[in-house]
C-alpha atoms as a PDB file:
ATOM      1  CA  MET A   1       0.000   0.000   0.000  1.00  0.00           C
ATOM      2  CA  PRO A   2       1.609   3.258  -1.095  1.00  0.00           C
ATOM      3  CA  ILE A   3       1.825   6.352   1.077  1.00  0.00           C
ATOM      4  CA  PHE A   4       1.202   9.667  -0.673  1.00  0.00           C
ATOM      5  CA  GLU A   5       1.783  13.198   0.566  1.00  0.00           C
ATOM      6  CA  TYR A   6      -0.908  15.839   0.048  1.00  0.00           C
ATOM      7  CA  LYS A   7      -1.259  19.562   0.677  1.00  0.00           C
ATOM      8  CA  CYS A   8      -4.629  21.081   1.502  1.00  0.00           C
ATOM      9  CA  LYS A   9      -5.586  23.951  -0.825  1.00  0.00           C
ATOM     10  CA  GLU A  10      -7.775  25.493   1.890  1.00  0.00           C
ATOM     11  CA  CYS A  11      -5.515  25.630   4.975  1.00  0.00           C
ATOM     12  CA  GLY A  12      -2.072  24.620   3.643  1.00  0.00           C
ATOM     13  CA  THR A  13      -1.672  21.568   5.878  1.00  0.00           C
ATOM     14  CA  VAL A  14       0.693  18.902   4.515  1.00  0.00           C
ATOM     15  CA  TYR A  15      -0.252  15.339   5.427  1.00  0.00           C
ATOM     16  CA  ASP A  16       0.351  11.705   4.426  1.00  0.00           C
ATOM     17  CA  VAL A  17      -2.308   9.268   3.270  1.00  0.00           C
ATOM     18  CA  LEU A  18      -1.931   5.500   3.149  1.00  0.00           C
ATOM     19  CA  HIS A  19      -3.921   4.439   0.077  1.00  0.00           C
ATOM     20  CA  LYS A  20      -5.572   1.062   0.226  1.00  0.00           C
ATOM     21  CA  SER A  21      -6.327  -0.596  -3.080  1.00  0.00           C
ATOM     22  CA  SER A  22      -9.988   0.471  -2.985  1.00  0.00           C
ATOM     23  CA  SER A  23      -9.456   4.131  -1.997  1.00  0.00           C
ATOM     24  CA  SER A  24      -9.064   6.971  -4.453  1.00  0.00           C
ATOM     25  CA  LYS A  25      -7.992  10.614  -4.487  1.00  0.00           C
ATOM     26  CA  GLU A  26     -11.614  11.638  -3.976  1.00  0.00           C
ATOM     27  CA  ASP A  27     -11.517   9.942  -0.557  1.00  0.00           C
ATOM     28  CA  VAL A  28      -8.652  12.192   0.655  1.00  0.00           C
ATOM     29  CA  VAL A  29      -9.760  14.624   3.372  1.00  0.00           C
ATOM     30  CA  CYS A  30      -7.588  17.188   5.192  1.00  0.00           C
ATOM     31  CA  PRO A  31      -7.169  16.113   8.834  1.00  0.00           C
ATOM     32  CA  LYS A  32      -7.171  19.754  10.000  1.00  0.00           C
ATOM     33  CA  CYS A  33     -10.065  21.421   8.151  1.00  0.00           C
ATOM     34  CA  SER A  34     -11.849  18.424   6.523  1.00  0.00           C
ATOM     35  CA  SER A  35     -11.538  19.936   3.046  1.00  0.00           C
ATOM     36  CA  LYS A  36     -11.461  17.639   0.027  1.00  0.00           C
ATOM     37  CA  LYS A  37      -9.552  20.265  -1.977  1.00  0.00           C
ATOM     38  CA  ASN A  38      -5.986  18.988  -2.031  1.00  0.00           C
ATOM     39  CA  VAL A  39      -3.010  18.503  -4.281  1.00  0.00           C
ATOM     40  CA  LYS A  40      -0.750  15.452  -4.352  1.00  0.00           C
ATOM     41  CA  LEU A  41       2.872  16.436  -3.709  1.00  0.00           C
ATOM     42  CA  VAL A  42       5.913  14.954  -5.371  1.00  0.00           C
ATOM     43  CA  SER A  43       7.783  13.207  -2.589  1.00  0.00           C
ATOM     44  CA  ALA A  44      11.417  12.180  -2.566  1.00  0.00           C
ATOM     45  CA  PHE A  45      12.255   8.538  -2.064  1.00  0.00           C
ATOM     46  CA  SER A  46      15.163   6.896  -0.358  1.00  0.00           C
ATOM     47  CA  SER A  47      17.525   4.384  -1.829  1.00  0.00           C
ATOM     48  CA  SER A  48      20.600   2.747  -0.416  1.00  0.00           C
ATOM     49  CA  PHE A  49      23.629   1.348  -2.132  1.00  0.00           C
ATOM     50  CA  LYS A  50      26.825  -0.289  -1.050  1.00  0.00           C
ATOM     51  CA  SER A  51      30.033   1.503  -1.822  1.00  0.00           C
ATOM     52  CA  ASP A  52      33.527   0.270  -1.025  1.00  0.00           C
ATOM     53  CA  SER A  53      34.816   3.847  -1.228  1.00  0.00           C
ATOM     54  CA  PHE A  54      32.825   5.124   1.777  1.00  0.00           C
ATOM     55  CA  SER A  55      35.011   5.866   4.775  1.00  0.00           C
ATOM     56  CA  GLY A  56      32.252   6.686   7.296  1.00  0.00           C
ATOM     57  CA  GLY A  57      31.812   5.210  10.753  1.00  0.00           C
ATOM     58  CA  CYS A  58      28.996   2.729  10.366  1.00  0.00           C
ATOM     59  CA  SER A  59      30.944  -0.522  10.149  1.00  0.00           C
ATOM     60  CA  ASP A  60      29.408  -1.841  13.371  1.00  0.00           C
ATOM     61  CA  GLY A  61      25.854  -1.090  12.198  1.00  0.00           C
ATOM     62  CA  SER A  62      25.173   1.596  14.797  1.00  0.00           C
ATOM     63  CA  CYS A  63      25.806   4.800  12.785  1.00  0.00           C
ATOM     64  CA  GLY A  64      25.994   6.632  16.096  1.00  0.00           C
ATOM     65  CA  THR A  65      22.291   6.123  16.734  1.00  0.00           C
ATOM     66  CA  PRO A  66      20.835   5.055  20.080  1.00  0.00           C
ATOM     67  CA  SER A  67      20.906   1.357  20.884  1.00  0.00           C
ATOM     68  CA  TYR A  68      17.157   0.925  20.293  1.00  0.00           C
ATOM     69  CA  GLY A  69      17.410   1.160  16.494  1.00  0.00           C
ATOM     70  CA  GLY A  70      20.834   1.269  14.936  1.00  0.00           C
ATOM     71  CA  CYS A  71      20.973   0.935  11.196  1.00  0.00           C
ATOM     72  CA  SER A  72      18.490  -1.945  11.060  1.00  0.00           C
ATOM     73  CA  GLY A  73      20.785  -3.943   8.846  1.00  0.00           C
ATOM     74  CA  GLY A  74      21.939  -1.038   6.699  1.00  0.00           C
ATOM     75  CA  MET A  75      18.805   1.068   6.428  1.00  0.00           C
ATOM     76  CA  CYS A  76      20.801   4.230   7.137  1.00  0.00           C
ATOM     77  CA  GLY A  77      22.521   3.759   3.794  1.00  0.00           C
ATOM     78  CA  LEU A  78      25.967   4.275   5.300  1.00  0.00           C
ATOM     79  CA  ASN A  79      27.213   0.702   5.264  1.00  0.00           C
END
């Protein structure tokens, strides 16, 4: 199920919507003002790749993050 980012044309609120297979753009409602006038935003996506030339400090998988998450097996894209 894809997540899309929208901006309300009435109040300017930016919000995310998880689209189920049966939902459509007409079902999108601003969570702040309940307007159905919105525009879908172009969102950036994340991609990771392995590079032997990187000299950063993520070899142990922690990336300097707290112990509750770490890199989750490379999700930080630094290893």
